[in-house]
Protein backbone atom coordinates (compact mmCIF):
# COMPACT_ATOMS: atom_id res chain seq x y z
CA ALA A 1 185.15 94.10 78.81
CA ILE A 2 187.48 96.79 79.61
CA VAL A 3 190.30 96.34 82.09
CA TRP A 4 191.33 99.84 83.38
CA ASP A 5 194.76 101.01 84.79
CA GLU A 6 193.22 102.51 87.94
CA TYR A 7 194.79 105.92 87.46
CA LEU A 8 193.06 106.47 84.12
CA THR A 9 189.41 105.90 85.37
CA GLY A 10 189.26 109.30 86.84
CA PRO A 11 190.32 111.31 83.64
CA PHE A 12 188.19 109.05 81.29
CA GLY A 13 185.07 109.52 83.66
CA LEU A 14 185.13 113.08 82.62
CA ILE A 15 184.91 112.31 78.98
CA ALA A 16 182.79 109.10 78.86
CA GLN A 17 180.48 108.08 81.78
CA TYR A 18 180.01 104.39 82.28
CA SER A 19 176.38 104.67 81.01
CA LEU A 20 177.98 105.91 77.63
CA LEU A 21 180.33 102.89 77.39
CA LYS A 22 177.29 100.61 78.15
CA GLU A 23 175.42 101.96 75.23
CA HIS A 24 178.50 101.00 73.16
CA GLU A 25 178.36 97.42 74.34
CA VAL A 26 180.89 97.44 77.06
CA GLU A 27 179.66 94.70 79.27
CA LYS A 28 181.96 94.77 82.22
CA MET A 29 184.68 96.96 83.74
CA PHE A 30 187.61 95.77 85.86
CA THR A 31 190.51 97.37 87.67
CA LEU A 32 193.92 96.12 86.52
CA LYS A 33 195.48 93.79 89.25
CA PRO A 34 197.62 90.80 89.42
CA GLY A 35 196.10 87.28 89.32
CA ARG A 36 193.40 85.82 87.14
CA LEU A 37 190.98 88.13 85.29
CA PRO A 38 187.51 87.96 86.70
CA GLN A 39 184.93 85.71 84.99
CA ALA A 40 182.97 87.35 82.34
CA ASP A 41 180.93 86.16 79.50
CA VAL A 42 182.63 88.37 76.91
CA LYS A 43 184.63 87.74 73.66
CA ASN A 44 187.03 90.70 73.72
CA ILE A 45 189.20 92.03 76.69
CA ILE A 46 190.69 95.46 76.19
CA PHE A 47 193.39 96.61 78.47
CA PHE A 48 193.47 100.53 78.90
CA VAL A 49 196.89 101.42 80.32
CA ARG A 50 199.66 103.96 80.61
CA PRO A 51 202.95 102.80 79.13
CA LYS A 52 204.73 101.78 82.39
CA LEU A 53 206.66 98.58 82.81
CA GLU A 54 205.26 97.76 86.20
CA LEU A 55 201.70 97.57 84.59
CA MET A 56 203.10 95.35 81.82
CA ASP A 57 204.03 92.72 84.44
CA ILE A 58 200.44 92.83 85.74
CA ILE A 59 199.08 92.39 82.26
CA THR A 60 201.50 89.47 81.58
CA ASP A 61 200.32 87.89 84.66
CA ASN A 62 196.77 88.30 83.65
CA VAL A 63 197.18 86.87 80.25
CA LEU A 64 199.42 83.89 81.34
CA ARG A 65 196.73 82.79 83.96
CA GLU A 66 194.12 82.92 81.27
CA ASP A 67 192.45 79.51 80.89
CA ARG A 68 193.30 78.49 77.32
CA GLY A 69 191.07 75.42 77.44
CA ARG A 70 187.90 77.27 77.89
CA SER A 71 185.64 77.99 75.00
CA PRO A 72 184.87 80.46 73.55
CA GLN A 73 188.41 81.75 73.59
CA ARG A 74 188.72 85.32 74.80
CA ASP A 75 190.68 87.87 72.49
CA PHE A 76 192.90 90.30 73.98
CA HIS A 77 193.69 93.98 72.90
CA ILE A 78 195.83 96.72 74.36
CA LEU A 79 195.33 100.53 74.17
CA PHE A 80 198.19 102.58 75.31
CA VAL A 81 197.30 106.02 76.73
CA PRO A 82 198.52 108.54 75.41
CA ARG A 83 201.15 106.87 73.17
CA ARG A 84 202.44 103.35 72.38
CA SER A 85 205.70 102.52 73.79
CA LEU A 86 208.37 100.39 72.11
CA LEU A 87 209.91 99.59 75.54
CA CYS A 88 206.57 98.12 76.70
CA GLU A 89 206.00 96.14 73.70
CA GLN A 90 209.44 94.75 73.78
CA TRP A 91 208.95 93.77 77.51
CA LEU A 92 205.73 92.11 76.67
CA LYS A 93 207.51 90.18 73.78
CA GLU A 94 210.32 89.02 76.21
CA GLN A 95 207.56 87.78 78.44
CA GLY A 96 206.19 85.88 75.63
CA VAL A 97 202.77 87.39 75.62
CA LEU A 98 203.00 90.06 72.91
CA GLY A 99 201.40 87.66 70.31
CA SER A 100 198.23 87.19 72.35
CA PHE A 101 197.23 90.86 71.73
CA ILE A 102 195.22 91.19 68.41
CA HIS A 103 195.24 94.90 68.37
CA ARG A 104 197.94 97.08 69.85
CA GLU A 105 196.93 100.63 69.51
CA GLN A 106 197.22 104.04 71.23
CA TYR A 107 194.56 106.29 72.34
CA SER A 108 196.04 109.82 72.39
CA LEU A 109 194.38 111.57 75.28
CA ASP A 110 196.17 114.92 75.67
CA LEU A 111 194.16 117.62 77.20
CA ILE A 112 191.13 116.64 79.24
CA PRO A 113 188.37 119.31 79.76
CA PHE A 114 187.96 119.94 83.50
CA ASP A 115 185.72 123.02 83.15
CA GLY A 116 184.70 125.52 80.62
CA ASP A 117 188.01 127.25 80.86
CA LEU A 118 190.23 124.62 82.20
CA LEU A 119 192.12 121.72 80.45
CA SER A 120 194.62 119.23 82.05
CA MET A 121 196.83 116.39 80.81
CA GLU A 122 196.57 114.86 84.24
CA SER A 123 200.04 113.49 83.89
CA GLU A 124 201.17 113.13 87.57
CA SER A 125 204.89 112.75 87.01
CA ALA A 126 205.40 115.46 84.45
CA PHE A 127 207.20 117.83 86.84
CA LYS A 128 209.54 114.99 88.00
CA GLU A 129 210.27 113.83 84.49
CA CYS A 130 211.13 117.33 83.19
CA TYR A 131 213.20 118.68 85.94
CA LEU A 132 214.86 115.59 87.51
CA GLU A 133 215.03 112.99 84.78
CA SER A 134 215.26 115.33 81.81
CA ASP A 135 212.62 113.21 80.12
CA GLN A 136 210.71 115.37 77.68
CA THR A 137 208.00 112.95 76.91
CA SER A 138 205.38 114.84 78.73
CA LEU A 139 206.50 118.09 76.81
CA TYR A 140 205.92 116.18 73.62
CA HIS A 141 202.40 115.28 74.69
CA ALA A 142 201.95 118.83 75.47
CA ALA A 143 202.98 119.99 72.14
CA LYS A 144 200.75 117.40 70.51
CA GLY A 145 197.81 118.48 72.50
CA LEU A 146 198.54 122.13 71.46
CA MET A 147 198.56 121.02 67.94
CA THR A 148 195.31 119.17 68.15
CA LEU A 149 193.77 122.37 69.82
CA GLN A 150 195.01 124.46 66.96
CA ALA A 151 193.52 122.10 64.46
CA LEU A 152 190.20 122.69 66.32
CA TYR A 153 190.25 126.32 67.16
CA GLY A 154 192.67 127.83 64.53
CA THR A 155 196.40 128.75 64.61
CA ILE A 156 197.35 130.81 67.57
CA PRO A 157 199.29 133.87 66.04
CA GLN A 158 201.41 134.80 68.98
CA ILE A 159 203.36 132.50 71.26
CA PHE A 160 205.15 133.78 74.42
CA GLY A 161 207.11 131.65 76.66
CA LYS A 162 209.40 131.65 79.84
CA GLY A 163 211.53 128.72 80.81
CA GLU A 164 213.49 125.78 79.36
CA CYS A 165 210.50 123.48 79.05
CA ALA A 166 208.45 126.34 77.40
CA ARG A 167 211.28 126.65 74.74
CA HIS A 168 211.20 123.23 74.04
CA VAL A 169 207.37 122.86 73.61
CA ALA A 170 207.42 125.87 71.25
CA ASN A 171 210.29 124.44 69.25
CA MET A 172 208.37 121.18 68.91
CA MET A 173 205.30 122.85 67.90
CA ILE A 174 207.13 124.89 65.15
CA ARG A 175 208.64 121.72 63.98
CA MET A 176 205.38 119.75 63.82
CA LYS A 177 203.80 122.50 61.96
CA ARG A 178 206.71 122.42 59.42
CA GLU A 179 206.59 118.66 59.04
CA PHE A 180 202.89 118.69 58.35
CA PRO A 181 202.28 121.49 55.79
CA GLY A 182 198.80 120.28 55.38
CA SER A 183 197.99 121.26 59.00
CA GLN A 184 197.31 124.91 57.95
CA ASN A 185 193.66 125.07 58.33
CA SER A 186 191.27 127.81 57.37
CA ILE A 187 189.63 128.11 60.83
CA PHE A 188 189.25 131.63 62.29
CA PRO A 189 191.59 131.68 65.34
CA VAL A 190 189.91 131.63 68.79
CA PHE A 191 192.99 132.34 70.74
CA ASP A 192 195.09 135.51 70.15
CA THR A 193 198.11 134.37 72.41
CA LEU A 194 199.58 131.30 73.80
CA LEU A 195 201.67 131.86 76.99
CA LEU A 196 203.86 128.86 77.93
CA LEU A 197 205.03 129.03 81.48
CA ASP A 198 207.49 126.61 83.17
CA ARG A 199 206.56 125.63 86.82
CA ASN A 200 210.14 126.22 87.97
CA VAL A 201 209.95 129.80 86.80
CA ASP A 202 207.58 130.19 89.94
CA LEU A 203 208.41 127.51 92.51
CA LEU A 204 206.90 129.74 95.25
CA THR A 205 203.17 129.75 94.56
CA PRO A 206 202.38 126.02 95.08
CA LEU A 207 204.38 125.81 98.38
CA ALA A 208 201.99 128.44 99.97
CA THR A 209 198.71 127.45 101.41
CA GLN A 210 196.01 128.47 98.93
CA LEU A 211 193.23 130.55 100.51
CA THR A 212 190.42 130.41 98.04
CA TYR A 213 187.49 128.14 98.74
CA GLU A 214 188.38 125.72 96.12
CA GLY A 215 192.06 125.89 97.00
CA LEU A 216 191.33 124.97 100.52
CA ILE A 217 189.14 122.14 99.67
CA ASP A 218 192.04 120.84 97.64
CA GLU A 219 194.62 121.51 100.28
CA ILE A 220 192.58 119.71 103.10
CA TYR A 221 190.71 117.00 101.21
CA GLY A 222 192.35 116.82 97.86
CA ILE A 223 190.20 117.20 94.67
CA GLN A 224 190.70 114.22 92.26
CA ASN A 225 189.44 114.81 88.61
CA THR A 226 186.77 117.31 89.87
CA TYR A 227 185.59 115.01 92.69
CA VAL A 228 186.15 115.31 96.38
CA LYS A 229 185.70 113.01 99.18
CA LEU A 230 184.41 114.34 102.46
CA PRO A 231 184.02 113.06 105.94
CA PRO A 232 180.21 111.96 106.00
CA GLU A 233 179.10 112.89 109.41
CA LYS A 234 178.51 116.54 108.39
CA PHE A 235 176.15 115.41 105.62
CA ALA A 236 173.80 112.93 107.59
CA PRO A 237 170.34 114.03 107.42
CA LYS A 238 169.34 115.20 110.87
CA LYS A 239 166.24 113.52 112.26
CA GLN A 240 164.61 114.36 115.42
CA GLY A 241 164.81 112.00 118.49
CA GLU A 242 166.89 109.21 116.91
CA GLY A 243 170.33 110.32 118.22
CA GLY A 244 173.46 109.54 116.20
CA LYS A 245 172.72 105.73 115.95
CA ASP A 246 173.47 105.10 112.25
CA LEU A 247 175.84 107.65 111.02
CA PRO A 248 177.13 106.95 107.53
CA THR A 249 180.65 105.70 107.34
CA GLU A 250 181.42 106.03 103.54
CA PRO A 251 183.04 109.22 102.67
CA LYS A 252 180.63 111.59 100.85
CA LYS A 253 181.69 112.11 97.21
CA LEU A 254 180.80 115.30 95.45
CA GLN A 255 181.52 116.67 92.12
CA LEU A 256 182.75 120.31 91.93
CA ASN A 257 182.49 122.30 88.74
CA SER A 258 180.92 125.42 87.38
CA ALA A 259 177.88 123.40 86.40
CA GLU A 260 176.64 124.03 89.95
CA GLU A 261 175.60 127.75 90.09
CA LEU A 262 176.65 128.34 93.70
CA TYR A 263 179.94 126.79 93.42
CA ALA A 264 180.68 128.82 90.29
CA GLU A 265 180.01 131.82 92.37
CA ILE A 266 182.12 130.96 95.45
CA ARG A 267 184.94 128.73 94.24
CA ASP A 268 187.37 131.47 93.47
CA LYS A 269 186.64 133.79 96.41
CA ASN A 270 188.84 134.01 99.41
CA PHE A 271 187.55 131.67 102.11
CA ASN A 272 186.82 134.71 104.34
CA ALA A 273 184.30 136.02 101.86
CA VAL A 274 182.40 132.75 101.42
CA GLY A 275 180.40 132.87 104.64
CA SER A 276 178.52 136.04 103.74
CA VAL A 277 177.59 134.80 100.36
CA LEU A 278 176.30 131.54 101.75
CA SER A 279 174.09 133.44 104.41
CA LYS A 280 172.74 135.78 101.73
CA LYS A 281 171.91 132.86 99.47
CA ALA A 282 170.15 131.07 102.38
CA LYS A 283 167.94 134.16 102.90
CA ILE A 284 166.97 134.36 99.15
CA ILE A 285 166.17 130.61 99.11
CA SER A 286 163.95 130.62 102.17
CA ALA A 287 162.21 133.71 100.88
CA ALA A 288 161.58 131.89 97.60
CA PHE A 289 160.08 128.98 99.52
CA GLU A 290 157.83 131.33 101.43
CA GLU A 291 156.31 132.58 98.17
CA ARG A 292 154.09 129.42 98.23
CA HIS A 293 151.92 130.90 100.82
CA HIS A 294 151.19 133.91 98.62
CA ALA A 295 150.25 131.88 95.61
CA LYS A 296 146.38 132.08 95.34
CA THR A 297 145.36 131.50 91.81
CA VAL A 298 145.93 128.33 89.95
CA GLY A 299 148.37 130.15 87.68
CA GLU A 300 150.56 131.38 90.41
CA ILE A 301 150.56 127.83 92.01
CA LYS A 302 151.59 126.42 88.64
CA GLN A 303 154.36 128.97 88.34
CA PHE A 304 155.69 128.10 91.84
CA VAL A 305 155.53 124.34 91.09
CA SER A 306 157.52 124.78 87.85
CA GLN A 307 160.35 126.53 89.77
CA LEU A 308 160.46 123.80 92.42
CA PRO A 309 163.03 121.53 91.07
CA HIS A 310 165.39 124.43 90.62
CA MET A 311 164.81 125.67 94.06
CA GLN A 312 165.36 122.29 95.57
CA ALA A 313 168.60 121.86 93.66
CA ALA A 314 169.76 125.27 94.96
CA ARG A 315 168.68 124.29 98.41
CA SER A 316 170.72 121.07 98.50
CA SER A 317 173.63 122.80 96.95
CA LEU A 318 173.53 125.34 99.63
CA ALA A 319 173.44 122.74 102.30
CA ASN A 320 176.40 120.86 100.81
CA HIS A 321 178.49 123.93 100.67
CA THR A 322 177.51 125.08 104.26
CA SER A 323 178.71 121.84 105.36
CA ILE A 324 181.98 121.94 103.54
CA ALA A 325 182.58 125.43 104.67
CA GLU A 326 181.94 124.44 108.35
CA LEU A 327 184.36 121.55 107.83
CA ILE A 328 187.14 123.96 106.45
CA LYS A 329 186.41 126.46 109.01
CA ASP A 330 187.20 124.05 111.90
CA ILE A 331 190.66 123.88 110.33
CA THR A 332 191.36 127.35 109.38
CA THR A 333 190.44 128.52 112.95
CA SER A 334 192.89 126.16 114.59
CA GLU A 335 195.89 127.44 116.19
CA ASP A 336 198.29 125.41 114.14
CA PHE A 337 196.77 126.57 110.80
CA PHE A 338 197.24 130.03 111.95
CA ASP A 339 200.83 129.52 113.08
CA ASN A 340 201.68 127.93 109.82
CA LEU A 341 200.16 130.55 107.71
CA THR A 342 201.93 133.36 109.67
CA VAL A 343 205.30 131.80 109.00
CA GLU A 344 204.44 131.47 105.34
CA GLN A 345 203.41 134.96 105.13
CA GLU A 346 206.47 136.25 106.99
CA PHE A 347 208.61 134.37 104.45
CA MET A 348 206.81 135.64 101.33
CA SER A 349 206.91 139.22 102.74
CA GLY A 350 210.77 138.82 103.27
CA ILE A 351 210.92 138.55 107.09
CA ASP A 352 213.75 136.46 108.63
CA THR A 353 214.12 134.37 105.67
CA ASP A 354 217.87 133.63 106.11
CA LYS A 355 217.93 132.09 109.60
CA VAL A 356 216.65 128.75 111.15
CA ASN A 357 212.94 129.32 111.81
CA ASN A 358 211.71 128.59 115.46
CA TYR A 359 208.27 127.33 114.28
CA ILE A 360 209.74 124.92 111.87
CA GLU A 361 212.18 123.57 114.58
CA ASP A 362 209.23 123.04 116.86
CA CYS A 363 207.21 121.20 114.20
CA ILE A 364 210.14 118.82 113.51
CA ALA A 365 210.52 118.27 117.16
CA GLN A 366 206.90 117.35 117.54
CA LYS A 367 207.15 115.34 114.34
CA HIS A 368 204.49 117.12 112.39
CA PRO A 369 203.87 115.42 108.91
CA LEU A 370 206.96 115.45 106.85
CA ILE A 371 205.31 117.00 103.92
CA LYS A 372 204.28 120.05 105.89
CA ILE A 373 207.96 120.49 106.98
CA LEU A 374 209.31 120.15 103.51
CA ARG A 375 206.79 122.72 102.16
CA LEU A 376 207.88 125.36 104.78
CA VAL A 377 211.67 124.59 104.37
CA CYS A 378 211.38 124.90 100.57
CA LEU A 379 209.18 128.05 100.87
CA GLN A 380 211.90 129.60 102.94
CA SER A 381 214.61 128.54 100.53
CA VAL A 382 212.73 129.95 97.41
CA CYS A 383 211.95 133.33 99.33
CA ASN A 384 215.72 133.59 100.13
CA SER A 385 217.06 132.41 96.65
CA GLY A 386 218.56 129.46 98.54
CA LEU A 387 219.64 128.93 102.11
CA LYS A 388 223.05 129.51 103.63
CA GLN A 389 225.12 126.50 104.08
CA LYS A 390 224.69 126.08 107.91
CA VAL A 391 221.02 126.67 107.91
CA LEU A 392 220.48 124.16 105.02
CA ASP A 393 222.80 121.54 106.78
CA TYR A 394 220.88 122.15 109.89
CA TYR A 395 217.55 121.65 108.40
CA LYS A 396 218.66 118.42 106.57
CA ARG A 397 220.27 116.97 109.57
CA GLU A 398 217.12 117.61 111.82
CA ILE A 399 214.82 116.13 109.14
CA LEU A 400 216.88 113.10 108.63
CA GLN A 401 217.35 112.36 112.26
CA THR A 402 213.64 112.82 113.03
CA TYR A 403 211.99 111.14 110.07
CA GLY A 404 214.75 108.66 109.07
CA TYR A 405 217.67 108.49 106.75
CA GLU A 406 215.69 106.95 103.94
CA HIS A 407 214.38 110.52 103.15
CA ILE A 408 217.92 111.61 101.93
CA LEU A 409 216.83 110.82 98.31
CA THR A 410 213.77 113.11 98.73
CA LEU A 411 215.95 115.92 99.84
CA ASN A 412 218.30 115.30 97.02
CA ASN A 413 215.42 115.45 94.58
CA LEU A 414 214.20 118.72 96.18
CA GLU A 415 217.55 120.10 95.68
CA LYS A 416 217.84 119.06 92.02
CA ALA A 417 214.38 120.58 91.35
CA GLY A 418 215.68 123.92 92.80
CA LEU A 419 213.23 123.80 95.68
CA LEU A 420 215.74 123.46 98.49
CA LYS A 421 219.11 124.63 97.57
CA LEU A 422 222.34 126.47 98.66
CA GLN A 423 222.29 130.31 98.00
CA ALA A 424 224.55 130.89 95.05
CA SER A 425 227.00 133.68 95.33
CA GLY A 426 225.48 134.83 98.52
CA ARG A 427 222.92 137.01 96.76
CA ASN A 428 219.20 137.07 97.43
CA ASN A 429 217.33 138.11 94.37
CA TYR A 430 213.79 137.61 95.86
CA PRO A 431 213.34 141.05 97.28
CA THR A 432 214.03 142.62 93.96
CA ILE A 433 211.58 140.28 92.30
CA ARG A 434 209.12 140.82 94.92
CA LYS A 435 209.17 144.63 94.73
CA THR A 436 209.28 144.95 90.90
CA LEU A 437 206.46 142.45 90.38
CA ARG A 438 204.52 143.57 93.37
CA LEU A 439 204.15 140.06 94.70
CA TRP A 440 203.34 141.25 98.24
CA MET A 441 200.42 143.54 98.88
CA ASP A 442 199.88 144.75 102.41
CA ASP A 443 196.32 146.10 102.13
CA VAL A 444 194.52 143.22 100.55
CA ASN A 445 190.80 143.33 100.26
CA GLU A 446 189.50 139.81 100.64
CA GLN A 447 185.70 140.50 100.35
CA ASN A 448 185.86 142.76 97.23
CA PRO A 449 189.26 142.09 95.79
CA ASN A 450 190.84 144.61 93.54
CA ASP A 451 194.17 142.60 92.83
CA ILE A 452 195.05 138.96 92.46
CA SER A 453 196.85 138.93 95.84
CA TYR A 454 193.55 138.04 97.44
CA VAL A 455 193.97 134.39 96.58
CA TYR A 456 196.79 134.06 99.11
CA SER A 457 195.70 136.99 101.38
CA GLY A 458 198.61 139.18 100.46
CA TYR A 459 200.81 137.26 98.13
CA ALA A 460 200.18 137.64 94.30
CA PRO A 461 201.19 134.43 92.45
CA LEU A 462 204.29 135.22 90.45
CA SER A 463 203.12 133.12 87.47
CA VAL A 464 199.83 135.02 87.19
CA ARG A 465 201.61 138.54 87.70
CA LEU A 466 203.72 137.55 84.56
CA ALA A 467 200.58 136.76 82.62
CA GLN A 468 199.00 139.92 83.69
CA LEU A 469 202.02 142.10 82.82
CA LEU A 470 202.45 140.38 79.42
CA ALA A 471 198.75 141.60 78.60
CA ARG A 472 199.63 145.08 79.75
CA PRO A 473 202.14 146.72 79.47
CA GLY A 474 204.22 143.84 78.01
CA TRP A 475 207.28 142.01 79.11
CA ARG A 476 209.60 144.69 77.91
CA SER A 477 208.75 146.65 81.18
CA ILE A 478 210.24 143.79 83.27
CA GLU A 479 213.20 142.61 81.29
CA GLU A 480 215.59 142.83 84.34
CA VAL A 481 213.42 140.57 86.57
CA LEU A 482 212.77 138.08 83.76
CA LYS A 483 216.53 137.74 83.45
CA MET A 484 216.54 136.78 87.28
CA LEU A 485 214.05 134.03 86.82
CA PRO A 486 215.27 130.62 85.42
CA GLY A 487 215.15 129.81 81.73
CA PRO A 488 214.90 131.86 78.53
CA HIS A 489 212.03 134.04 77.55
CA PHE A 490 210.95 134.34 74.08
CA GLU A 491 208.22 135.31 71.50
CA GLU A 492 207.25 133.58 68.30
CA ARG A 493 204.71 134.49 65.59
CA GLN A 494 202.86 132.07 63.57
CA GLN A 495 201.75 133.28 60.05
CA LEU A 496 198.03 133.07 59.60
CA PRO A 497 196.65 132.45 55.97
CA THR A 498 195.30 135.68 54.44
CA GLY A 499 191.76 136.40 55.41
CA LEU A 500 192.17 134.97 58.84
CA GLN A 501 193.86 137.90 60.43
CA LYS A 502 191.60 139.23 63.18
CA LYS A 503 190.14 142.66 63.08
CA ARG A 504 189.15 143.39 66.60
CA GLN A 505 186.08 145.12 67.20
CA HIS A 506 185.88 147.91 69.79
CA GLY A 507 185.38 146.47 73.22
CA GLU A 508 186.17 142.90 72.15
CA ASN A 509 188.41 140.91 74.51
CA ARG A 510 191.60 139.22 73.61
CA VAL A 511 191.74 135.51 74.40
CA THR A 512 195.00 134.16 75.82
CA LEU A 513 195.67 130.42 76.55
CA VAL A 514 198.08 130.13 79.61
CA PHE A 515 199.76 126.64 79.58
CA PHE A 516 201.46 125.80 82.81
CA LEU A 517 204.19 123.05 82.19
CA GLY A 518 204.71 121.03 85.45
CA GLY A 519 201.38 121.75 87.17
CA VAL A 520 199.06 124.65 88.23
CA THR A 521 197.23 125.20 91.63
CA TYR A 522 193.48 126.16 91.97
CA ALA A 523 194.55 129.50 93.51
CA GLU A 524 196.40 130.42 90.35
CA ILE A 525 193.36 129.34 88.31
CA ALA A 526 191.24 131.61 90.56
CA ALA A 527 193.68 134.59 89.89
CA LEU A 528 193.41 134.12 86.14
CA ARG A 529 189.73 133.95 86.35
CA PHE A 530 189.66 137.12 88.35
CA LEU A 531 191.80 138.96 85.72
CA SER A 532 189.32 137.64 82.94
CA GLN A 533 186.47 139.26 84.91
CA MET A 534 188.04 142.54 85.53
CA GLU A 535 186.03 145.32 83.83
CA ASP A 536 188.93 147.07 82.09
CA GLY A 537 191.17 143.84 81.67
CA GLY A 538 190.48 143.35 77.98
CA THR A 539 191.86 139.76 78.18
CA GLU A 540 190.25 136.51 78.83
CA TYR A 541 192.15 133.49 80.05
CA VAL A 542 191.84 129.91 79.32
CA ILE A 543 194.10 127.58 81.41
CA ALA A 544 195.87 124.39 80.34
CA THR A 545 198.35 122.38 82.36
CA THR A 546 200.13 118.96 82.69
CA LYS A 547 198.49 118.44 86.10
CA LEU A 548 196.41 120.14 88.75
CA ILE A 549 198.59 120.28 91.83
CA ASN A 550 198.71 121.64 95.33
CA GLY A 551 201.83 121.83 97.60
CA THR A 552 201.25 118.42 99.09
CA SER A 553 200.63 116.45 95.95
CA TRP A 554 203.63 118.32 94.17
CA ILE A 555 206.12 117.44 97.03
CA LYS A 556 204.78 113.98 97.11
CA SER A 557 205.42 113.44 93.51
CA LEU A 558 209.09 114.36 94.24
CA MET A 559 209.43 112.02 97.26
CA GLU A 560 211.46 108.70 96.89
CA LYS A 561 210.30 105.67 98.81
CA LEU A 562 213.42 103.74 99.94
CA GLU A 563 212.27 100.25 101.08
CA PRO A 564 214.52 98.97 103.95
CA ALA A 565 216.44 95.82 103.02
CA PRO A 566 214.66 92.69 104.06
CA PHE A 567 217.00 91.42 106.82
């Protein structure tokens, strides 16, 4: 039997479905929780866990409550994902249960494939560890993951990077390569360039509301390991004359990835362009079903029948996405969504970023969700290179008085991460950065975009702009701006063994792996995919990250929960 640390079930589900594990003689699966382990007629029990102390306490509890008198005795094994931890083993030893484990191993799960061009480590606390706790474990895992990738797909000849963490990862990779001289492989390199980007080089992008189809699904419902849970009432099959007696109450769970043709086509479009695609598709599908009336001969009927499964799959896919689009539309057409977006766009285009904002004031007074407030205040701070003392103090005071003083730690964390800070030296660099990198485009075409700014209806994600400019004309053209952004920028070259240098055929694209250290949003992924598809782009992008994030999940990971004292 396997006992799962609950957080790992999602990522593992992408690699090995339960059916596969069953074939390999896994009888039962349990979720790790305190108390006795459930009854199961098995000899071996394997714990799959992240190396976290609070989980060790639960395991200790499980092992100590195990009935020693029963026969046959059950054997325990523990697998740490992604690395063994001395601290955890020491802890188990102090609890007196370390000896109960026959095998203590690690399962190095670094980069998990989420889609054809997307890999993630799904390490939720990576950003917090790197920027607040100066803990570089996740960077080590990132470097390890990149070494594994190079072992499979060849050494990456060029490495570019921007930010402190990027520098660390590159140094670790170079060191690992030196320490394992045998790791030089004779595989023809798939990737031409690796671009390492720190999340804190671009703190702005995740705070803004994503406006692509996939981005909005994530903003509103949250996509967990390619699955989304949606309110079921929109998906109930409509039957005549019954009335809504038995509406389903379980949330509807759907998997979202490029395997579904329709989703692959609309996921990266701006939401305003999705409706027309769906209605076009509906016409095509109903026309295809009409064909059956014209099928006269046996051959024609046979051909129609052979296409049926595909047509039915397309029809149900269309029905699902039409329902999702309706759910999202209800929200995006609401007044509050519009007001919130207007304020975001004003900040990003540089309007009134240096004074207290009326909308934010009203939202605090009406006690809107705290995360919404924090996202807006941080956005304002980032778009103004920090806030003036009295504006910052005013916001902090209002937030603490409305939402409670226990949030003082959260504000402190946001300050440490550079999201909510005092404007240093009274200078605002953001307008210079915005103009040089063309981060704000006034005439954005959402239906047939010609620039990456369509993913936020006007704002071009800074991180993706850096990737775009690196490919053409190169970073030399933007030296001045790079100096204004946090952390060093650098370039490293890795020697390839003779005979493996690429001779590029005419018209062959370069392949760049962009690794976001600290998280990436679906809108940035959409923007990179858009660059890959550009006719004259000449570069294809593959995306890797420590975690798929959105503004809400990102701010949440930085929040501290202060439990009130039990008086």
